[in-house]
Protein backbone atom coordinates (compact mmCIF):
# COMPACT_ATOMS: atom_id res chain seq x y z
CA UNK A 1 240.39 224.07 151.21
CA UNK A 2 244.01 225.17 150.78
CA UNK A 3 245.20 221.64 151.59
CA UNK A 4 242.96 220.21 148.85
CA UNK A 5 244.29 222.73 146.29
CA UNK A 6 247.89 221.94 147.25
CA UNK A 7 247.19 218.21 147.01
CA UNK A 8 245.71 218.64 143.50
CA UNK A 9 248.66 220.80 142.45
CA UNK A 10 251.06 218.09 143.63
CA UNK A 11 249.07 215.43 141.75
CA UNK A 12 249.29 217.46 138.54
CA UNK A 13 253.07 217.77 138.96
CA UNK A 14 253.26 213.99 138.85
CA UNK A 15 251.52 213.86 135.47
CA UNK A 16 253.37 213.69 132.19
CA UNK A 17 252.05 214.74 128.82
CA UNK A 18 252.01 212.24 125.96
CA UNK A 19 251.25 213.29 122.40
CA UNK A 20 249.65 210.43 120.50
CA UNK A 21 248.89 210.07 116.80
CA UNK A 22 245.98 207.92 115.60
CA UNK A 23 245.39 206.63 112.06
CA UNK A 24 243.00 204.25 110.29
CA UNK A 25 242.34 203.40 106.66
CA UNK A 26 240.14 200.31 106.97
CA UNK A 27 236.39 200.88 107.09
CA UNK A 28 234.76 201.96 109.26
CA UNK A 29 237.71 204.34 109.67
CA UNK A 30 235.91 206.96 111.74
CA UNK A 31 234.54 204.35 114.12
CA UNK A 32 237.99 202.79 114.60
CA UNK A 33 239.48 206.22 115.28
CA UNK A 34 236.81 207.04 117.87
CA UNK A 35 237.13 203.64 119.56
CA UNK A 36 240.89 204.07 119.89
CA UNK A 37 240.60 207.58 121.36
CA UNK A 38 238.00 206.32 123.87
CA UNK A 39 240.24 203.39 124.83
CA UNK A 40 243.25 205.67 125.34
CA UNK A 41 241.18 207.95 127.59
CA UNK A 42 240.28 204.92 129.73
CA UNK A 43 243.60 203.08 129.72
CA UNK A 44 246.33 205.72 129.35
CA UNK A 45 245.14 209.03 130.78
CA UNK A 46 242.98 212.11 130.55
CA UNK A 47 242.50 213.68 127.12
CA UNK A 48 243.65 217.28 127.51
CA UNK A 49 243.27 218.20 123.81
CA UNK A 50 242.09 216.44 120.67
CA UNK A 51 242.71 217.63 117.13
CA UNK A 52 240.22 217.66 114.33
CA UNK A 53 240.18 214.69 111.99
CA UNK A 54 242.33 214.85 108.87
CA UNK A 55 242.14 212.71 105.76
CA UNK A 56 245.47 211.86 104.16
CA UNK A 57 246.96 209.87 101.36
CA UNK A 58 248.70 206.68 102.48
CA UNK A 59 252.36 207.35 103.30
CA UNK A 60 254.92 204.83 102.05
CA UNK A 61 252.55 202.45 100.25
CA UNK A 62 249.57 202.21 97.87
CA UNK A 63 246.13 201.62 99.40
CA UNK A 64 242.50 201.73 98.33
CA UNK A 65 241.39 204.06 101.15
CA UNK A 66 242.92 207.24 102.46
CA UNK A 67 243.71 207.45 106.16
CA UNK A 68 241.84 209.34 108.82
CA UNK A 69 244.27 210.83 111.35
CA UNK A 70 244.13 212.83 114.54
CA UNK A 71 246.34 213.70 117.50
CA UNK A 72 245.53 213.59 121.21
CA UNK A 73 247.35 215.30 124.05
CA UNK A 74 247.06 212.98 127.03
CA UNK A 75 247.91 213.66 130.67
CA UNK A 76 249.15 210.44 132.23
CA UNK A 77 250.84 209.10 135.32
CA UNK A 78 252.24 206.15 133.34
CA UNK A 79 255.91 205.93 132.31
CA UNK A 80 256.59 205.92 128.54
CA UNK A 81 257.13 202.14 128.23
CA UNK A 82 253.78 201.51 129.96
CA UNK A 83 252.05 203.99 127.61
CA UNK A 84 253.57 202.04 124.71
CA UNK A 85 252.39 198.69 126.09
CA UNK A 86 248.87 200.02 126.57
CA UNK A 87 248.56 201.52 123.09
CA UNK A 88 249.90 198.31 121.55
CA UNK A 89 247.31 196.38 123.57
CA UNK A 90 244.55 198.70 122.32
CA UNK A 91 245.72 198.12 118.74
CA UNK A 92 245.67 194.33 119.23
CA UNK A 93 242.19 194.40 120.82
CA UNK A 94 240.97 196.35 117.79
CA UNK A 95 242.35 193.71 115.40
CA UNK A 96 245.69 195.23 114.39
CA UNK A 97 248.26 192.72 113.25
CA UNK A 98 251.68 194.33 112.92
CA UNK A 99 253.79 193.32 109.94
CA UNK A 100 257.49 192.73 110.29
CA UNK A 101 258.40 195.07 107.45
CA UNK A 102 256.82 197.73 105.27
CA UNK A 103 253.58 199.63 105.60
CA UNK A 104 250.07 198.25 105.15
CA UNK A 105 246.44 199.20 105.62
CA UNK A 106 245.29 198.96 109.22
CA UNK A 107 242.26 199.30 111.45
CA UNK A 108 244.21 201.46 113.84
CA UNK A 109 247.71 202.76 114.34
CA UNK A 110 248.65 204.62 117.52
CA UNK A 111 252.07 206.22 117.79
CA UNK A 112 253.68 208.06 120.67
CA UNK A 113 255.00 211.27 119.15
CA UNK A 114 256.33 212.95 122.28
CA UNK A 115 256.38 212.19 125.99
CA UNK A 116 257.01 215.50 127.73
CA UNK A 117 260.35 216.69 126.29
CA UNK A 118 261.96 213.30 126.80
CA UNK A 119 264.57 211.99 124.38
CA UNK A 120 264.72 208.21 124.56
CA UNK A 121 266.14 205.44 122.37
CA UNK A 122 265.22 201.99 123.65
CA UNK A 123 264.25 198.79 121.87
CA UNK A 124 260.73 199.36 120.53
CA UNK A 125 260.49 203.00 121.62
CA UNK A 126 262.24 206.09 120.29
CA UNK A 127 261.17 209.51 121.56
CA UNK A 128 260.44 211.84 120.04
CA UNK A 129 259.03 209.71 117.21
CA UNK A 130 261.82 209.75 114.61
CA UNK A 131 259.58 210.53 111.61
CA UNK A 132 257.52 213.47 112.94
CA UNK A 133 259.21 216.09 110.76
CA UNK A 134 258.78 214.06 107.55
CA UNK A 135 255.04 213.34 107.83
CA UNK A 136 252.48 216.01 107.03
CA UNK A 137 249.64 213.71 108.18
CA UNK A 138 251.16 213.81 111.68
CA UNK A 139 252.25 217.44 111.70
CA UNK A 140 248.91 218.96 110.58
CA UNK A 141 246.87 217.67 113.55
CA UNK A 142 249.86 217.99 115.89
CA UNK A 143 250.32 221.66 115.00
CA UNK A 144 246.60 222.20 115.63
CA UNK A 145 246.78 221.02 119.26
CA UNK A 146 250.43 221.72 120.10
CA UNK A 147 251.73 224.20 117.53
CA UNK A 148 254.09 225.92 119.97
CA UNK A 149 255.44 222.70 121.51
CA UNK A 150 259.18 222.60 120.87
CA UNK A 151 260.68 219.46 119.35
CA UNK A 152 263.47 218.58 121.82
CA UNK A 153 265.92 217.52 119.10
CA UNK A 154 265.21 219.88 116.18
CA UNK A 155 264.61 222.86 118.50
CA UNK A 156 261.69 223.99 116.33
CA UNK A 157 258.04 224.07 117.24
CA UNK A 158 255.47 221.87 115.53
CA UNK A 159 253.95 224.75 113.55
CA UNK A 160 257.36 225.54 112.06
CA UNK A 161 258.05 221.86 111.37
CA UNK A 162 254.76 221.74 109.43
CA UNK A 163 255.69 224.83 107.38
CA UNK A 164 259.06 223.27 106.53
CA UNK A 165 257.79 219.73 105.86
CA UNK A 166 258.79 218.42 102.42
CA UNK A 167 256.04 215.76 102.38
CA UNK A 168 253.75 216.67 99.46
CA UNK A 169 251.04 214.08 100.08
CA UNK A 170 247.53 215.45 100.41
CA UNK A 171 246.29 216.14 103.95
CA UNK A 172 242.99 217.95 104.54
CA UNK A 173 240.45 218.41 107.28
CA UNK A 174 237.88 215.65 107.06
CA UNK A 175 234.23 216.64 106.77
CA UNK A 176 232.73 214.58 109.59
CA UNK A 177 230.04 212.21 108.35
CA UNK A 178 228.79 208.75 109.10
CA UNK A 179 230.75 206.10 107.27
CA UNK A 180 229.53 202.83 105.83
CA UNK A 181 229.91 199.90 108.15
CA UNK A 182 231.75 197.19 106.22
C-alpha cells in the first residue's frame, strides 16, 4: 500500500499545471465551449478546476454576438509546446480558421494563460500570456479558479490583477441556458 501511495505521489510530481482560457462567440456558443473543454480533458490532461461561464463584450473588434468565456486548470504531463499544438488542433477540428491579423468572431479560441510559473518567449508561444492583465474577460474566470495564483512577471495574484484591470468592457456571469442551434 505504501509503495502505491509513493508511486502516485511521484506521478503527481511529474505533472504540470496549465491554465487555459476558452472563448466562443459563434452560435451555438455554449456547445462550442463545452466541446472544447471535453476535448482538452481528453487530449491535454485532467481538469482540476473549471470556472463558471462568463459573457463578455468582444475585445478589440465589433461583433454581433458577445463571447462566452471560461477558464480551466488542467493537470498535464505534456510540455508547453505540446499543449499548444494540441489546443491548436482542437481549434482546427472545431472549424477555427486563424486570421493573420486582427480579431474576428470564432467558434472557439483556446489560449494558454500560464504553464506552472514558467516564463517563456518562443515563436508562437509566450508564457505567461502577454495580455492577461489587460483583459477582464480572462481575469474574471481566472480569478474564480486561481485567484491566489501569482503572476510570475507582475508578482501580483490574479484577484489583484482583476481589481486593477483598466478594461471597462462588460463581463458578467452567464445564466446557463440552452442556446439555439444555428
